[in-house]
Each structure stands twice: as C-alpha cells, then as structure tokens.
Amino acid sequence: MPDRTSRTRGRDDLLADPGWVAVPLPAAAPEVSLLRLHLDRGTRATVSLVRFPAGWARPSTVHCTATEEFVVIDGLLRVSGATYRPGGDVVVVPAGAPRSASSAPDGALALAWFSGVPEWHLQPDDCLPRTAPAVTRRVDRLAPDPAPYDRDVWWVQGEQWAYVPAGAPVPDHPGAAFVRPWPPPADPH
C-alpha cells in the first residue's frame, strides 16, 4: 500500500538526513549522493535529492532509460553544453536522450524526478533523442486547494519540500514552487 501521509521537510533537515547513499554513475567520478524522498510503487517513479561533489564529472556520453526532470538548488550543473543554476526552469531529459560532457566543478545539489527506475548506459550509436512532455511545472504561487492527485512540491524561497496526497491541502508557503503530479504520465517510449 502506498504511503499516503503528507510530509513537509526543510532543506537543513533533508541535508542532515542519515538516509543519503553513495551512488556510482557509469563513466562518472566521484560518486554522487542520493536521498530518495518519494517512490511511486506502481510506476517505480521517484523524486530524490542528488548531491554532486566538487569535481564531479562524466565526460562520456550516456543515456538513461527513464525520463528525468530536475531543478538545480545549489551550485551549477553542466549537461551537454548547457549550464543550469538555482532558480532556473525545470530541465527535462527524455528517456534515451544522450547526455555528454556533464560536470559540477564546485559541486551541486539538484532535485530530480525519474519516470521509472533510472538505468544508465554508455551511449550506443543508434540511440536517438526522444521527446517527452514536461510534467513538473513552476508556479509563482501555489493555491492551497486540494487536488485529485498526489503531488511533490519544492518551494524555492523557503527551500521546503512536501509530499501532498490527493485530497490534502497544500501547506502554506510563500513564493514560487515546482510542482510534480503523481503518478506522472506514462513514458511514451
């Protein structure tokens, strides 16, 4: 049975959580640290905080079997020639899309949603980029009204994360937020 309990956690609490685990990524060094915040048991979709240590790099081209959406919270993250910083938009990388020349020179912290179990592979020559709709969206002010679906919310200004089950009111926090509905739409590929 899925966890239907509403939870809100602040940045300091999340960073101090003992549940962080080291995760090796193919063709990358050093390892990243991951803290899973939510798992949809039906789709295996997840939301996690990912901590990239200073000097992290993956010069090889890889792809992931799941669509990823992420928001940079701290530092900067370079992926395939683009640089992402805090306060920016949601980045959507479709399942199977190539990623190259990735790095976090001074370290970075990102909030990442995966459409399923993320499996990383060195990029085969025949893998073509795919398109995927952005599911996570940025809103200037989130209404506290209950919704008919579960949601993950990250408030930018207060650096708060919340899991809000269907029918539950959204905690009142000021400012912009990133909102992710659960379950996300099925990955078309």
C-alpha atoms as a PDB file:
ATOM      1  CA  MET A   1       0.000   0.000   0.000  1.00  0.00           C
ATOM      2  CA  PRO A   2       1.457   3.401  -0.973  1.00  0.00           C
ATOM      3  CA  ASP A   3       2.409   5.893   1.709  1.00  0.00           C
ATOM      4  CA  ARG A   4      -0.447   8.429   1.717  1.00  0.00           C
ATOM      5  CA  THR A   5       0.918  10.596   4.526  1.00  0.00           C
ATOM      6  CA  SER A   6       1.542  14.268   3.831  1.00  0.00           C
ATOM      7  CA  ARG A   7       5.108  15.288   4.720  1.00  0.00           C
ATOM      8  CA  THR A   8       6.987  18.574   4.626  1.00  0.00           C
ATOM      9  CA  ARG A   9      10.723  18.866   5.232  1.00  0.00           C
ATOM     10  CA  GLY A  10      13.101  21.791   5.189  1.00  0.00           C
ATOM     11  CA  ARG A  11      16.458  21.954   3.463  1.00  0.00           C
ATOM     12  CA  ASP A  12      18.557  21.656   6.643  1.00  0.00           C
ATOM     13  CA  ASP A  13      16.575  18.608   7.768  1.00  0.00           C
ATOM     14  CA  LEU A  14      16.962  16.989   4.339  1.00  0.00           C
ATOM     15  CA  LEU A  15      20.710  17.641   4.171  1.00  0.00           C
ATOM     16  CA  ALA A  16      21.189  16.177   7.681  1.00  0.00           C
ATOM     17  CA  ASP A  17      19.100  13.059   6.919  1.00  0.00           C
ATOM     18  CA  PRO A  18      21.086   9.839   7.566  1.00  0.00           C
ATOM     19  CA  GLY A  19      19.426   8.174   4.555  1.00  0.00           C
ATOM     20  CA  TRP A  20      21.839   9.621   1.978  1.00  0.00           C
ATOM     21  CA  VAL A  21      23.535   6.847  -0.015  1.00  0.00           C
ATOM     22  CA  ALA A  22      26.555   6.911  -2.322  1.00  0.00           C
ATOM     23  CA  VAL A  23      25.600   6.071  -5.905  1.00  0.00           C
ATOM     24  CA  PRO A  24      28.168   5.324  -8.597  1.00  0.00           C
ATOM     25  CA  LEU A  25      27.132   6.569 -12.039  1.00  0.00           C
ATOM     26  CA  PRO A  26      28.648   4.904 -15.134  1.00  0.00           C
ATOM     27  CA  ALA A  27      31.623   6.766 -16.601  1.00  0.00           C
ATOM     28  CA  ALA A  28      31.465   9.395 -13.812  1.00  0.00           C
ATOM     29  CA  ALA A  29      33.578  10.225 -10.786  1.00  0.00           C
ATOM     30  CA  PRO A  30      33.418  10.747  -7.902  1.00  0.00           C
ATOM     31  CA  GLU A  31      30.172   9.081  -6.737  1.00  0.00           C
ATOM     32  CA  VAL A  32      27.087  11.219  -6.172  1.00  0.00           C
ATOM     33  CA  SER A  33      24.965  11.032  -3.004  1.00  0.00           C
ATOM     34  CA  LEU A  34      21.233  10.429  -3.240  1.00  0.00           C
ATOM     35  CA  LEU A  35      18.358  10.885  -0.798  1.00  0.00           C
ATOM     36  CA  ARG A  36      15.090   9.365  -2.046  1.00  0.00           C
ATOM     37  CA  LEU A  37      12.136  11.494  -0.993  1.00  0.00           C
ATOM     38  CA  HIS A  38       9.274   9.615  -2.632  1.00  0.00           C
ATOM     39  CA  LEU A  39       8.678   6.404  -4.588  1.00  0.00           C
ATOM     40  CA  ASP A  40       5.537   5.598  -6.559  1.00  0.00           C
ATOM     41  CA  ARG A  41       5.320   1.853  -6.018  1.00  0.00           C
ATOM     42  CA  GLY A  42       3.136   1.328  -9.089  1.00  0.00           C
ATOM     43  CA  THR A  43       5.261   3.101 -11.704  1.00  0.00           C
ATOM     44  CA  ARG A  44       8.597   2.960  -9.802  1.00  0.00           C
ATOM     45  CA  ALA A  45       8.884   6.716 -10.465  1.00  0.00           C
ATOM     46  CA  THR A  46      10.912   8.586  -7.843  1.00  0.00           C
ATOM     47  CA  VAL A  47      11.846  12.016  -6.580  1.00  0.00           C
ATOM     48  CA  SER A  48      15.270  12.389  -4.966  1.00  0.00           C
ATOM     49  CA  LEU A  49      17.797  14.964  -3.900  1.00  0.00           C
ATOM     50  CA  VAL A  50      21.115  14.379  -5.672  1.00  0.00           C
ATOM     51  CA  ARG A  51      24.337  15.832  -4.277  1.00  0.00           C
ATOM     52  CA  PHE A  52      27.183  16.168  -6.787  1.00  0.00           C
ATOM     53  CA  PRO A  53      30.562  16.595  -5.050  1.00  0.00           C
ATOM     54  CA  ALA A  54      33.010  19.263  -6.176  1.00  0.00           C
ATOM     55  CA  GLY A  55      34.937  17.996  -9.168  1.00  0.00           C
ATOM     56  CA  TRP A  56      32.231  15.568 -10.276  1.00  0.00           C
ATOM     57  CA  ALA A  57      32.482  14.857 -13.994  1.00  0.00           C
ATOM     58  CA  ARG A  58      31.175  12.478 -16.622  1.00  0.00           C
ATOM     59  CA  PRO A  59      32.960  13.239 -19.905  1.00  0.00           C
ATOM     60  CA  SER A  60      31.473  10.227 -21.741  1.00  0.00           C
ATOM     61  CA  THR A  61      28.128  10.211 -23.493  1.00  0.00           C
ATOM     62  CA  VAL A  62      25.444   8.207 -21.681  1.00  0.00           C
ATOM     63  CA  HIS A  63      21.674   7.841 -21.681  1.00  0.00           C
ATOM     64  CA  CYS A  64      19.111   6.917 -19.049  1.00  0.00           C
ATOM     65  CA  THR A  65      16.201   4.513 -19.523  1.00  0.00           C
ATOM     66  CA  ALA A  66      13.843   6.842 -17.623  1.00  0.00           C
ATOM     67  CA  THR A  67      12.802  10.394 -18.375  1.00  0.00           C
ATOM     68  CA  GLU A  68      14.390  12.775 -15.871  1.00  0.00           C
ATOM     69  CA  GLU A  69      13.218  16.195 -14.785  1.00  0.00           C
ATOM     70  CA  PHE A  70      15.463  18.205 -12.492  1.00  0.00           C
ATOM     71  CA  VAL A  71      15.865  21.566 -10.807  1.00  0.00           C
ATOM     72  CA  VAL A  72      19.249  22.807  -9.555  1.00  0.00           C
ATOM     73  CA  ILE A  73      19.031  24.000  -5.956  1.00  0.00           C
ATOM     74  CA  ASP A  74      22.695  24.852  -5.262  1.00  0.00           C
ATOM     75  CA  GLY A  75      25.831  25.215  -7.354  1.00  0.00           C
ATOM     76  CA  LEU A  76      25.847  24.708 -11.075  1.00  0.00           C
ATOM     77  CA  LEU A  77      25.439  21.626 -13.188  1.00  0.00           C
ATOM     78  CA  ARG A  78      26.649  21.321 -16.769  1.00  0.00           C
ATOM     79  CA  VAL A  79      24.987  18.801 -19.083  1.00  0.00           C
ATOM     80  CA  SER A  80      25.559  18.512 -22.842  1.00  0.00           C
ATOM     81  CA  GLY A  81      26.887  22.039 -23.241  1.00  0.00           C
ATOM     82  CA  ALA A  82      24.210  23.768 -21.132  1.00  0.00           C
ATOM     83  CA  THR A  83      24.777  25.208 -17.652  1.00  0.00           C
ATOM     84  CA  TYR A  84      21.989  25.026 -15.084  1.00  0.00           C
ATOM     85  CA  ARG A  85      21.816  27.179 -11.923  1.00  0.00           C
ATOM     86  CA  PRO A  86      19.447  27.618  -8.961  1.00  0.00           C
ATOM     87  CA  GLY A  87      16.180  29.401  -9.634  1.00  0.00           C
ATOM     88  CA  GLY A  88      16.063  28.315 -13.257  1.00  0.00           C
ATOM     89  CA  ASP A  89      13.451  26.318 -15.021  1.00  0.00           C
ATOM     90  CA  VAL A  90      12.749  22.621 -14.899  1.00  0.00           C
ATOM     91  CA  VAL A  91      15.125  20.677 -17.140  1.00  0.00           C
ATOM     92  CA  VAL A  92      13.535  17.718 -18.956  1.00  0.00           C
ATOM     93  CA  VAL A  93      15.769  14.979 -20.376  1.00  0.00           C
ATOM     94  CA  PRO A  94      13.681  12.358 -22.205  1.00  0.00           C
ATOM     95  CA  ALA A  95      14.394   8.651 -21.772  1.00  0.00           C
ATOM     96  CA  GLY A  96      17.076   7.612 -24.246  1.00  0.00           C
ATOM     97  CA  ALA A  97      18.325  11.153 -24.905  1.00  0.00           C
ATOM     98  CA  PRO A  98      22.127  11.383 -24.985  1.00  0.00           C
ATOM     99  CA  ARG A  99      23.938  13.371 -22.282  1.00  0.00           C
ATOM    100  CA  SER A 100      27.556  14.347 -22.670  1.00  0.00           C
ATOM    101  CA  ALA A 101      30.251  16.468 -21.048  1.00  0.00           C
ATOM    102  CA  SER A 102      28.457  16.628 -17.695  1.00  0.00           C
ATOM    103  CA  SER A 103      30.093  18.199 -14.651  1.00  0.00           C
ATOM    104  CA  ALA A 104      29.680  20.026 -11.350  1.00  0.00           C
ATOM    105  CA  PRO A 105      33.061  21.778 -10.914  1.00  0.00           C
ATOM    106  CA  ASP A 106      32.230  23.260  -7.488  1.00  0.00           C
ATOM    107  CA  GLY A 107      29.562  20.725  -6.549  1.00  0.00           C
ATOM    108  CA  ALA A 108      25.793  20.966  -6.941  1.00  0.00           C
ATOM    109  CA  LEU A 109      22.524  19.920  -5.346  1.00  0.00           C
ATOM    110  CA  ALA A 110      19.544  19.022  -7.545  1.00  0.00           C
ATOM    111  CA  LEU A 111      16.003  17.803  -7.018  1.00  0.00           C
ATOM    112  CA  ALA A 112      15.342  15.073  -9.621  1.00  0.00           C
ATOM    113  CA  TRP A 113      12.215  13.233 -10.725  1.00  0.00           C
ATOM    114  CA  PHE A 114      12.581   9.983 -12.706  1.00  0.00           C
ATOM    115  CA  SER A 115       9.670   8.395 -14.632  1.00  0.00           C
ATOM    116  CA  GLY A 116      10.820   4.910 -13.611  1.00  0.00           C
ATOM    117  CA  VAL A 117      13.890   3.064 -12.395  1.00  0.00           C
ATOM    118  CA  PRO A 118      16.859   5.025 -13.793  1.00  0.00           C
ATOM    119  CA  GLU A 119      19.316   2.721 -15.534  1.00  0.00           C
ATOM    120  CA  TRP A 120      22.355   4.417 -17.059  1.00  0.00           C
ATOM    121  CA  HIS A 121      24.088   3.120 -20.190  1.00  0.00           C
ATOM    122  CA  LEU A 122      27.029   4.223 -22.266  1.00  0.00           C
ATOM    123  CA  GLN A 123      25.559   5.849 -25.344  1.00  0.00           C
ATOM    124  CA  PRO A 124      25.064   3.435 -28.268  1.00  0.00           C
ATOM    125  CA  ASP A 125      25.423   4.943 -31.741  1.00  0.00           C
ATOM    126  CA  ASP A 126      21.844   4.100 -32.721  1.00  0.00           C
ATOM    127  CA  CYS A 127      20.123   5.745 -29.747  1.00  0.00           C
ATOM    128  CA  LEU A 128      18.229   8.808 -30.906  1.00  0.00           C
ATOM    129  CA  PRO A 129      16.939  11.614 -28.690  1.00  0.00           C
ATOM    130  CA  ARG A 130      13.264  11.310 -27.820  1.00  0.00           C
ATOM    131  CA  THR A 131      10.775  13.911 -26.757  1.00  0.00           C
ATOM    132  CA  ALA A 132       8.843  13.884 -23.527  1.00  0.00           C
ATOM    133  CA  PRO A 133       6.345  16.352 -22.105  1.00  0.00           C
ATOM    134  CA  ALA A 134       7.399  18.391 -19.104  1.00  0.00           C
ATOM    135  CA  VAL A 135       5.364  17.171 -16.152  1.00  0.00           C
ATOM    136  CA  THR A 136       6.880  19.303 -13.418  1.00  0.00           C
ATOM    137  CA  ARG A 137       5.932  22.943 -13.665  1.00  0.00           C
ATOM    138  CA  ARG A 138       6.949  26.141 -11.948  1.00  0.00           C
ATOM    139  CA  VAL A 139       4.184  28.272 -10.468  1.00  0.00           C
ATOM    140  CA  ASP A 140       4.521  31.748  -8.956  1.00  0.00           C
ATOM    141  CA  ARG A 141       2.147  30.978  -6.095  1.00  0.00           C
ATOM    142  CA  LEU A 142       0.634  27.592  -5.310  1.00  0.00           C
ATOM    143  CA  ALA A 143      -3.035  27.590  -4.305  1.00  0.00           C
ATOM    144  CA  PRO A 144      -3.647  25.643  -1.079  1.00  0.00           C
ATOM    145  CA  ASP A 145      -6.634  23.836  -2.597  1.00  0.00           C
ATOM    146  CA  PRO A 146      -6.702  20.025  -2.517  1.00  0.00           C
ATOM    147  CA  ALA A 147      -6.149  18.274  -5.864  1.00  0.00           C
ATOM    148  CA  PRO A 148      -7.467  14.916  -7.089  1.00  0.00           C
ATOM    149  CA  TYR A 149      -3.890  13.601  -7.425  1.00  0.00           C
ATOM    150  CA  ASP A 150      -0.760  13.291  -5.261  1.00  0.00           C
ATOM    151  CA  ARG A 151       1.908  15.985  -5.642  1.00  0.00           C
ATOM    152  CA  ASP A 152       5.529  16.687  -4.758  1.00  0.00           C
ATOM    153  CA  VAL A 153       6.250  20.374  -4.192  1.00  0.00           C
ATOM    154  CA  TRP A 154       9.566  22.249  -3.809  1.00  0.00           C
ATOM    155  CA  TRP A 155       9.271  25.877  -2.661  1.00  0.00           C
ATOM    156  CA  VAL A 156      12.205  27.860  -3.996  1.00  0.00           C
ATOM    157  CA  GLN A 157      12.220  30.724  -1.465  1.00  0.00           C
ATOM    158  CA  GLY A 158      11.781  28.695   1.716  1.00  0.00           C
ATOM    159  CA  GLU A 159      13.682  25.644   0.434  1.00  0.00           C
ATOM    160  CA  GLN A 160      10.934  23.317   1.598  1.00  0.00           C
ATOM    161  CA  TRP A 161       9.845  20.013   0.070  1.00  0.00           C
ATOM    162  CA  ALA A 162       6.432  18.441   0.595  1.00  0.00           C
ATOM    163  CA  TYR A 163       4.628  15.314  -0.498  1.00  0.00           C
ATOM    164  CA  VAL A 164       0.902  16.123  -0.629  1.00  0.00           C
ATOM    165  CA  PRO A 165      -1.548  13.223  -1.118  1.00  0.00           C
ATOM    166  CA  ALA A 166      -4.696  13.586  -3.214  1.00  0.00           C
ATOM    167  CA  GLY A 167      -7.401  15.466  -1.343  1.00  0.00           C
ATOM    168  CA  ALA A 168      -4.993  17.031   1.173  1.00  0.00           C
ATOM    169  CA  PRO A 169      -4.488  20.797   1.347  1.00  0.00           C
ATOM    170  CA  VAL A 170      -1.114  22.174   0.304  1.00  0.00           C
ATOM    171  CA  PRO A 171       0.980  23.657   3.149  1.00  0.00           C
ATOM    172  CA  ASP A 172       1.053  27.455   3.025  1.00  0.00           C
ATOM    173  CA  HIS A 173       4.471  28.706   1.872  1.00  0.00           C
ATOM    174  CA  PRO A 174       5.209  31.963   0.070  1.00  0.00           C
ATOM    175  CA  GLY A 175       6.750  32.329  -3.353  1.00  0.00           C
ATOM    176  CA  ALA A 176       7.396  30.214  -6.404  1.00  0.00           C
ATOM    177  CA  ALA A 177       7.228  26.434  -6.308  1.00  0.00           C
ATOM    178  CA  PHE A 178       7.939  23.474  -8.561  1.00  0.00           C
ATOM    179  CA  VAL A 179       5.003  21.044  -8.632  1.00  0.00           C
ATOM    180  CA  ARG A 180       5.109  17.409  -9.770  1.00  0.00           C
ATOM    181  CA  PRO A 181       1.862  15.370 -10.053  1.00  0.00           C
ATOM    182  CA  TRP A 182       1.782  11.651  -9.169  1.00  0.00           C
ATOM    183  CA  PRO A 183       1.665   9.376 -10.911  1.00  0.00           C
ATOM    184  CA  PRO A 184       3.370  11.096 -13.834  1.00  0.00           C
ATOM    185  CA  PRO A 185       2.006  10.323 -17.308  1.00  0.00           C
ATOM    186  CA  ALA A 186       3.325   7.098 -18.809  1.00  0.00           C
ATOM    187  CA  ASP A 187       6.590   7.490 -20.723  1.00  0.00           C
ATOM    188  CA  PRO A 188       5.622   7.087 -24.400  1.00  0.00           C
ATOM    189  CA  HIS A 189       8.882   5.275 -25.214  1.00  0.00           C
END
